[in-house]
Amino acid sequence: MRDVVLTPIPQANGKVENRPAIILREMPVYRDVLVCGVSTQLHHYIPGFDEIISPTDSDFASSGLASASLIRLSLLAALPRKNIVGSIGSIAPERHKRLTAAVSQPDCSSKGQHSFERGEKSLRSVSNHSHPSP
């Protein structure tokens, strides 16, 4: 399951809005889903933990996202499947595997420099273009 979906997610201001999210896994028995939020607010990027998906990535077109976005592993929610409004796309299996591995690490600071460099490169490449906020 590598779906990019639209679902109600609590925002920092307390409002609940339909936002893009990535299904990380289905939970046993009740089929609730663990999702992470997706945002165009790239300045919230946490090096070595979050990922940026940009138009130059091979899975960007299939993601259904409109502009460079931050995949926020720091914004998790377990939701009933019935709360999913719909699917807007999917991400590459390799990216999904990295995300699920990162969220299961006991200490994100021990992840090594590779993820940091990949995120910094993506952040630099999208910083050279202006992207409107949603």
N, C-alpha and C. Protein backbone atom coordinates (compact mmCIF):
# COMPACT_ATOMS: atom_id res chain seq x y z
N MET A 1 0.84 -1.18 0.00
CA MET A 1 0.00 0.00 0.00
C MET A 1 0.89 1.24 0.00
N ARG A 2 0.93 1.97 -1.10
CA ARG A 2 1.78 3.15 -1.25
C ARG A 2 0.95 4.36 -1.66
N ASP A 3 -0.29 4.37 -1.27
CA ASP A 3 -1.22 5.40 -1.73
C ASP A 3 -0.95 6.77 -1.13
N VAL A 4 -1.11 7.77 -1.99
CA VAL A 4 -1.21 9.16 -1.54
C VAL A 4 -2.71 9.44 -1.54
N VAL A 5 -3.24 9.82 -0.39
CA VAL A 5 -4.68 9.96 -0.22
C VAL A 5 -5.03 11.36 0.26
N LEU A 6 -6.30 11.65 0.19
CA LEU A 6 -6.84 12.88 0.76
C LEU A 6 -7.66 12.46 1.97
N THR A 7 -7.36 13.07 3.14
CA THR A 7 -8.04 12.69 4.37
C THR A 7 -8.04 13.85 5.37
N PRO A 8 -9.02 13.90 6.26
CA PRO A 8 -9.01 14.95 7.29
C PRO A 8 -7.84 14.73 8.25
N ILE A 9 -7.01 15.76 8.43
CA ILE A 9 -5.86 15.70 9.34
C ILE A 9 -5.89 16.95 10.21
N PRO A 10 -5.70 16.77 11.53
CA PRO A 10 -5.63 17.94 12.42
C PRO A 10 -4.44 18.83 12.05
N GLN A 11 -4.68 20.13 11.98
CA GLN A 11 -3.63 21.10 11.66
C GLN A 11 -3.10 21.74 12.94
N ALA A 12 -1.98 22.44 12.82
CA ALA A 12 -1.35 23.09 13.98
C ALA A 12 -2.28 24.12 14.62
N ASN A 13 -3.17 24.71 13.82
CA ASN A 13 -4.09 25.72 14.36
C ASN A 13 -5.34 25.11 15.01
N GLY A 14 -5.38 23.77 15.08
CA GLY A 14 -6.50 23.09 15.72
C GLY A 14 -7.61 22.69 14.77
N LYS A 15 -7.63 23.25 13.57
CA LYS A 15 -8.66 22.90 12.58
C LYS A 15 -8.34 21.54 11.96
N VAL A 16 -9.37 20.86 11.52
CA VAL A 16 -9.21 19.61 10.80
C VAL A 16 -9.57 19.88 9.36
N GLU A 17 -8.63 19.63 8.46
CA GLU A 17 -8.84 19.91 7.04
C GLU A 17 -8.47 18.70 6.21
N ASN A 18 -9.13 18.56 5.05
CA ASN A 18 -8.73 17.51 4.12
C ASN A 18 -7.37 17.88 3.53
N ARG A 19 -6.40 17.01 3.73
CA ARG A 19 -5.03 17.24 3.29
C ARG A 19 -4.48 15.96 2.68
N PRO A 20 -3.46 16.09 1.83
CA PRO A 20 -2.82 14.89 1.32
C PRO A 20 -2.04 14.19 2.44
N ALA A 21 -2.00 12.88 2.36
CA ALA A 21 -1.27 12.06 3.32
C ALA A 21 -0.82 10.79 2.60
N ILE A 22 0.18 10.14 3.16
CA ILE A 22 0.66 8.88 2.59
C ILE A 22 0.34 7.77 3.58
N ILE A 23 -0.29 6.71 3.06
CA ILE A 23 -0.57 5.55 3.90
C ILE A 23 0.74 4.79 4.10
N LEU A 24 1.17 4.70 5.36
CA LEU A 24 2.39 3.96 5.69
C LEU A 24 2.10 2.48 5.89
N ARG A 25 0.98 2.19 6.55
CA ARG A 25 0.59 0.79 6.73
C ARG A 25 -0.84 0.70 7.20
N GLU A 26 -1.40 -0.48 7.00
CA GLU A 26 -2.72 -0.79 7.52
C GLU A 26 -2.52 -1.47 8.86
N MET A 27 -3.31 -1.08 9.85
CA MET A 27 -3.20 -1.65 11.18
C MET A 27 -4.02 -2.94 11.24
N PRO A 28 -3.58 -3.89 12.07
CA PRO A 28 -4.27 -5.17 12.16
C PRO A 28 -5.71 -5.05 12.68
N VAL A 29 -6.47 -6.03 12.39
CA VAL A 29 -7.83 -6.27 12.85
C VAL A 29 -8.85 -5.27 12.30
N TYR A 30 -8.77 -3.99 12.68
CA TYR A 30 -9.81 -3.04 12.32
C TYR A 30 -9.55 -2.31 11.01
N ARG A 31 -8.39 -2.54 10.40
CA ARG A 31 -8.02 -1.96 9.11
C ARG A 31 -7.87 -0.44 9.16
N ASP A 32 -7.63 0.13 10.35
CA ASP A 32 -7.29 1.55 10.41
C ASP A 32 -5.97 1.72 9.67
N VAL A 33 -5.66 2.94 9.26
CA VAL A 33 -4.42 3.18 8.52
C VAL A 33 -3.55 4.19 9.26
N LEU A 34 -2.25 3.95 9.22
CA LEU A 34 -1.28 4.89 9.75
C LEU A 34 -0.82 5.75 8.59
N VAL A 35 -1.01 7.05 8.71
CA VAL A 35 -0.65 7.97 7.63
C VAL A 35 0.33 9.02 8.15
N CYS A 36 1.08 9.59 7.21
CA CYS A 36 1.89 10.76 7.53
C CYS A 36 1.41 11.89 6.63
N GLY A 37 1.44 13.09 7.17
CA GLY A 37 0.96 14.24 6.44
C GLY A 37 1.92 14.67 5.34
N VAL A 38 1.39 15.38 4.37
CA VAL A 38 2.16 15.93 3.25
C VAL A 38 1.87 17.42 3.20
N SER A 39 2.90 18.22 3.06
CA SER A 39 2.74 19.68 3.10
C SER A 39 3.65 20.35 2.08
N THR A 40 3.24 21.50 1.61
CA THR A 40 4.11 22.30 0.74
C THR A 40 4.99 23.24 1.56
N GLN A 41 4.84 23.21 2.85
CA GLN A 41 5.64 24.06 3.75
C GLN A 41 7.01 23.41 3.96
N LEU A 42 7.88 23.54 2.97
CA LEU A 42 9.18 22.86 2.97
C LEU A 42 10.08 23.30 4.12
N HIS A 43 9.85 24.46 4.69
CA HIS A 43 10.69 24.94 5.79
C HIS A 43 10.51 24.11 7.07
N HIS A 44 9.51 23.22 7.12
CA HIS A 44 9.31 22.33 8.27
C HIS A 44 10.16 21.06 8.17
N TYR A 45 10.95 20.95 7.12
CA TYR A 45 11.77 19.76 6.87
C TYR A 45 12.67 19.44 8.07
N ILE A 46 12.63 18.18 8.52
CA ILE A 46 13.51 17.69 9.58
C ILE A 46 14.56 16.80 8.93
N PRO A 47 15.81 17.26 8.84
CA PRO A 47 16.87 16.48 8.18
C PRO A 47 17.02 15.09 8.80
N GLY A 48 17.20 14.09 7.93
CA GLY A 48 17.40 12.73 8.37
C GLY A 48 16.12 12.03 8.80
N PHE A 49 14.97 12.70 8.64
CA PHE A 49 13.71 12.08 9.06
C PHE A 49 12.65 12.27 7.99
N ASP A 50 12.26 13.50 7.70
CA ASP A 50 11.27 13.78 6.67
C ASP A 50 11.90 13.62 5.28
N GLU A 51 11.07 13.57 4.25
CA GLU A 51 11.54 13.53 2.86
C GLU A 51 10.82 14.59 2.06
N ILE A 52 11.52 15.08 1.05
CA ILE A 52 10.91 16.02 0.11
C ILE A 52 10.71 15.29 -1.21
N ILE A 53 9.52 15.42 -1.77
CA ILE A 53 9.25 14.87 -3.10
C ILE A 53 9.09 16.07 -4.03
N SER A 54 9.88 16.07 -5.11
CA SER A 54 9.88 17.23 -6.00
C SER A 54 9.64 16.79 -7.45
N PRO A 55 9.32 17.74 -8.32
CA PRO A 55 9.01 17.41 -9.72
C PRO A 55 10.14 16.65 -10.45
N THR A 56 11.36 16.73 -9.96
CA THR A 56 12.46 16.00 -10.60
C THR A 56 12.54 14.54 -10.16
N ASP A 57 11.76 14.14 -9.15
CA ASP A 57 11.75 12.75 -8.67
C ASP A 57 10.93 11.87 -9.61
N SER A 58 11.38 10.64 -9.81
CA SER A 58 10.72 9.74 -10.76
C SER A 58 9.28 9.40 -10.38
N ASP A 59 8.95 9.45 -9.09
CA ASP A 59 7.59 9.11 -8.67
C ASP A 59 6.71 10.34 -8.42
N PHE A 60 7.21 11.53 -8.75
CA PHE A 60 6.41 12.73 -8.49
C PHE A 60 5.13 12.74 -9.32
N ALA A 61 5.22 12.46 -10.60
CA ALA A 61 4.03 12.51 -11.47
C ALA A 61 2.95 11.55 -10.99
N SER A 62 3.34 10.36 -10.54
CA SER A 62 2.35 9.38 -10.08
C SER A 62 1.79 9.70 -8.70
N SER A 63 2.44 10.63 -7.98
CA SER A 63 1.99 10.95 -6.62
C SER A 63 0.68 11.73 -6.59
N GLY A 64 0.38 12.45 -7.67
CA GLY A 64 -0.83 13.26 -7.70
C GLY A 64 -0.66 14.60 -7.00
N LEU A 65 0.53 14.89 -6.51
CA LEU A 65 0.78 16.16 -5.83
C LEU A 65 1.00 17.25 -6.86
N ALA A 66 0.62 18.47 -6.53
CA ALA A 66 0.69 19.57 -7.50
C ALA A 66 2.03 20.28 -7.51
N SER A 67 2.76 20.24 -6.40
CA SER A 67 4.05 20.93 -6.33
C SER A 67 4.96 20.21 -5.34
N ALA A 68 6.22 20.63 -5.30
CA ALA A 68 7.17 20.03 -4.37
C ALA A 68 6.54 20.00 -2.99
N SER A 69 6.70 18.89 -2.31
CA SER A 69 6.03 18.70 -1.02
C SER A 69 6.93 18.00 -0.02
N LEU A 70 6.63 18.24 1.23
CA LEU A 70 7.33 17.64 2.34
C LEU A 70 6.51 16.46 2.85
N ILE A 71 7.13 15.29 2.88
CA ILE A 71 6.49 14.11 3.46
C ILE A 71 6.89 14.13 4.93
N ARG A 72 5.93 14.45 5.78
CA ARG A 72 6.20 14.74 7.19
C ARG A 72 6.02 13.51 8.08
N LEU A 73 7.11 12.79 8.29
CA LEU A 73 7.05 11.67 9.22
C LEU A 73 6.86 12.15 10.65
N SER A 74 7.04 13.44 10.85
CA SER A 74 6.80 14.02 12.17
C SER A 74 5.32 14.36 12.38
N LEU A 75 4.49 14.07 11.39
CA LEU A 75 3.05 14.31 11.48
C LEU A 75 2.32 13.01 11.14
N LEU A 76 2.17 12.17 12.16
CA LEU A 76 1.53 10.87 11.98
C LEU A 76 0.12 10.87 12.56
N ALA A 77 -0.74 10.05 11.98
CA ALA A 77 -2.09 9.87 12.50
C ALA A 77 -2.58 8.47 12.16
N ALA A 78 -3.28 7.86 13.08
CA ALA A 78 -3.96 6.58 12.82
C ALA A 78 -5.43 6.93 12.60
N LEU A 79 -5.93 6.55 11.44
CA LEU A 79 -7.28 6.96 11.04
C LEU A 79 -8.12 5.76 10.63
N PRO A 80 -9.41 5.80 10.90
CA PRO A 80 -10.28 4.77 10.35
C PRO A 80 -10.27 4.86 8.82
N ARG A 81 -10.26 3.73 8.17
CA ARG A 81 -10.24 3.71 6.70
C ARG A 81 -11.38 4.53 6.10
N LYS A 82 -12.51 4.56 6.78
CA LYS A 82 -13.67 5.30 6.26
C LYS A 82 -13.41 6.81 6.17
N ASN A 83 -12.37 7.31 6.86
CA ASN A 83 -12.04 8.74 6.79
C ASN A 83 -11.28 9.13 5.53
N ILE A 84 -10.81 8.14 4.79
CA ILE A 84 -10.09 8.43 3.55
C ILE A 84 -11.09 8.93 2.52
N VAL A 85 -10.89 10.17 2.06
CA VAL A 85 -11.80 10.76 1.08
C VAL A 85 -11.57 10.13 -0.29
N GLY A 86 -10.31 9.87 -0.63
CA GLY A 86 -9.99 9.24 -1.90
C GLY A 86 -8.50 9.18 -2.12
N SER A 87 -8.11 8.42 -3.13
CA SER A 87 -6.70 8.30 -3.49
C SER A 87 -6.39 9.31 -4.59
N ILE A 88 -5.24 10.00 -4.47
CA ILE A 88 -4.85 10.95 -5.51
C ILE A 88 -3.62 10.47 -6.28
N GLY A 89 -2.96 9.40 -5.79
CA GLY A 89 -1.79 8.89 -6.48
C GLY A 89 -1.06 7.86 -5.65
N SER A 90 0.21 7.63 -6.03
CA SER A 90 1.03 6.67 -5.30
C SER A 90 2.50 7.08 -5.39
N ILE A 91 3.29 6.57 -4.46
CA ILE A 91 4.73 6.82 -4.47
C ILE A 91 5.45 5.52 -4.81
N ALA A 92 6.73 5.65 -5.15
CA ALA A 92 7.54 4.49 -5.53
C ALA A 92 7.71 3.54 -4.33
N PRO A 93 7.78 2.24 -4.60
CA PRO A 93 7.98 1.27 -3.51
C PRO A 93 9.25 1.57 -2.70
N GLU A 94 10.30 2.04 -3.37
CA GLU A 94 11.56 2.33 -2.68
C GLU A 94 11.37 3.48 -1.68
N ARG A 95 10.63 4.50 -2.07
CA ARG A 95 10.37 5.64 -1.17
C ARG A 95 9.52 5.17 0.01
N HIS A 96 8.50 4.38 -0.27
CA HIS A 96 7.64 3.88 0.80
C HIS A 96 8.46 3.06 1.80
N LYS A 97 9.35 2.25 1.30
CA LYS A 97 10.21 1.43 2.17
C LYS A 97 11.10 2.31 3.05
N ARG A 98 11.67 3.38 2.48
CA ARG A 98 12.50 4.31 3.26
C ARG A 98 11.67 4.99 4.35
N LEU A 99 10.45 5.39 4.00
CA LEU A 99 9.59 6.08 4.97
C LEU A 99 9.23 5.16 6.13
N THR A 100 8.82 3.94 5.84
CA THR A 100 8.43 3.03 6.92
C THR A 100 9.64 2.65 7.76
N ALA A 101 10.81 2.52 7.15
CA ALA A 101 12.03 2.23 7.92
C ALA A 101 12.39 3.41 8.81
N ALA A 102 12.28 4.62 8.29
CA ALA A 102 12.64 5.81 9.07
C ALA A 102 11.73 6.00 10.27
N VAL A 103 10.44 5.76 10.09
CA VAL A 103 9.50 5.98 11.18
C VAL A 103 9.65 4.91 12.26
N SER A 104 10.24 3.77 11.93
CA SER A 104 10.41 2.71 12.92
C SER A 104 11.76 2.78 13.64
N GLN A 105 12.63 3.70 13.23
CA GLN A 105 13.93 3.86 13.89
C GLN A 105 13.73 4.45 15.28
N PRO A 106 14.44 3.91 16.29
CA PRO A 106 14.27 4.44 17.65
C PRO A 106 14.84 5.84 17.82
N ASP A 107 15.83 6.21 17.01
CA ASP A 107 16.46 7.53 17.14
C ASP A 107 16.80 8.02 15.75
N CYS A 108 16.05 9.03 15.26
CA CYS A 108 16.25 9.50 13.89
C CYS A 108 17.62 10.14 13.71
N SER A 109 18.28 10.59 14.77
CA SER A 109 19.59 11.22 14.63
C SER A 109 20.67 10.21 14.27
N SER A 110 20.39 8.91 14.42
CA SER A 110 21.39 7.88 14.10
C SER A 110 21.25 7.35 12.68
N LYS A 111 20.42 7.99 11.86
CA LYS A 111 20.13 7.48 10.53
C LYS A 111 21.26 7.64 9.53
N GLY A 112 22.25 8.41 9.83
CA GLY A 112 23.35 8.57 8.90
C GLY A 112 23.18 9.77 8.00
N GLN A 113 24.25 10.10 7.32
CA GLN A 113 24.32 11.31 6.52
C GLN A 113 23.58 11.19 5.19
N HIS A 114 23.38 9.97 4.66
CA HIS A 114 22.78 9.81 3.33
C HIS A 114 21.40 10.47 3.24
N SER A 115 20.53 10.20 4.21
CA SER A 115 19.18 10.78 4.17
C SER A 115 19.24 12.29 4.28
N PHE A 116 20.15 12.79 5.13
CA PHE A 116 20.30 14.23 5.29
C PHE A 116 20.72 14.86 3.97
N GLU A 117 21.71 14.26 3.31
CA GLU A 117 22.19 14.82 2.04
C GLU A 117 21.12 14.77 0.97
N ARG A 118 20.35 13.68 0.91
CA ARG A 118 19.28 13.55 -0.08
C ARG A 118 18.23 14.63 0.14
N GLY A 119 17.85 14.85 1.40
CA GLY A 119 16.86 15.87 1.71
C GLY A 119 17.37 17.27 1.44
N GLU A 120 18.63 17.53 1.79
CA GLU A 120 19.21 18.85 1.54
C GLU A 120 19.29 19.13 0.05
N LYS A 121 19.66 18.12 -0.74
CA LYS A 121 19.73 18.29 -2.20
C LYS A 121 18.34 18.63 -2.74
N SER A 122 17.32 17.89 -2.29
CA SER A 122 15.96 18.15 -2.75
C SER A 122 15.50 19.54 -2.31
N LEU A 123 15.83 19.92 -1.08
CA LEU A 123 15.42 21.22 -0.58
C LEU A 123 16.08 22.33 -1.39
N ARG A 124 17.36 22.18 -1.72
CA ARG A 124 18.04 23.19 -2.53
C ARG A 124 17.42 23.28 -3.92
N SER A 125 17.11 22.13 -4.53
CA SER A 125 16.58 22.16 -5.89
C SER A 125 15.20 22.80 -5.96
N VAL A 126 14.38 22.59 -4.94
CA VAL A 126 13.05 23.20 -4.99
C VAL A 126 13.08 24.63 -4.47
N SER A 127 14.10 25.00 -3.70
CA SER A 127 14.20 26.37 -3.20
C SER A 127 14.51 27.34 -4.33
N ASN A 128 15.04 26.82 -5.42
CA ASN A 128 15.36 27.67 -6.56
C ASN A 128 14.11 28.03 -7.36
N HIS A 129 12.99 27.45 -7.05
CA HIS A 129 11.73 27.73 -7.73
C HIS A 129 10.75 28.24 -6.69
N SER A 130 9.88 29.13 -7.09
CA SER A 130 8.87 29.59 -6.12
C SER A 130 7.64 28.71 -6.25
N HIS A 131 7.11 28.29 -5.12
CA HIS A 131 5.92 27.45 -5.08
C HIS A 131 4.90 28.12 -4.19
N PRO A 132 3.71 28.34 -4.66
CA PRO A 132 2.69 28.97 -3.83
C PRO A 132 2.26 28.05 -2.69
N SER A 133 1.93 28.59 -1.56
CA SER A 133 1.40 27.81 -0.44
C SER A 133 -0.04 27.48 -0.73
N PRO A 134 -0.52 26.34 -0.17
CA PRO A 134 -1.93 25.98 -0.42
C PRO A 134 -2.89 26.92 0.23
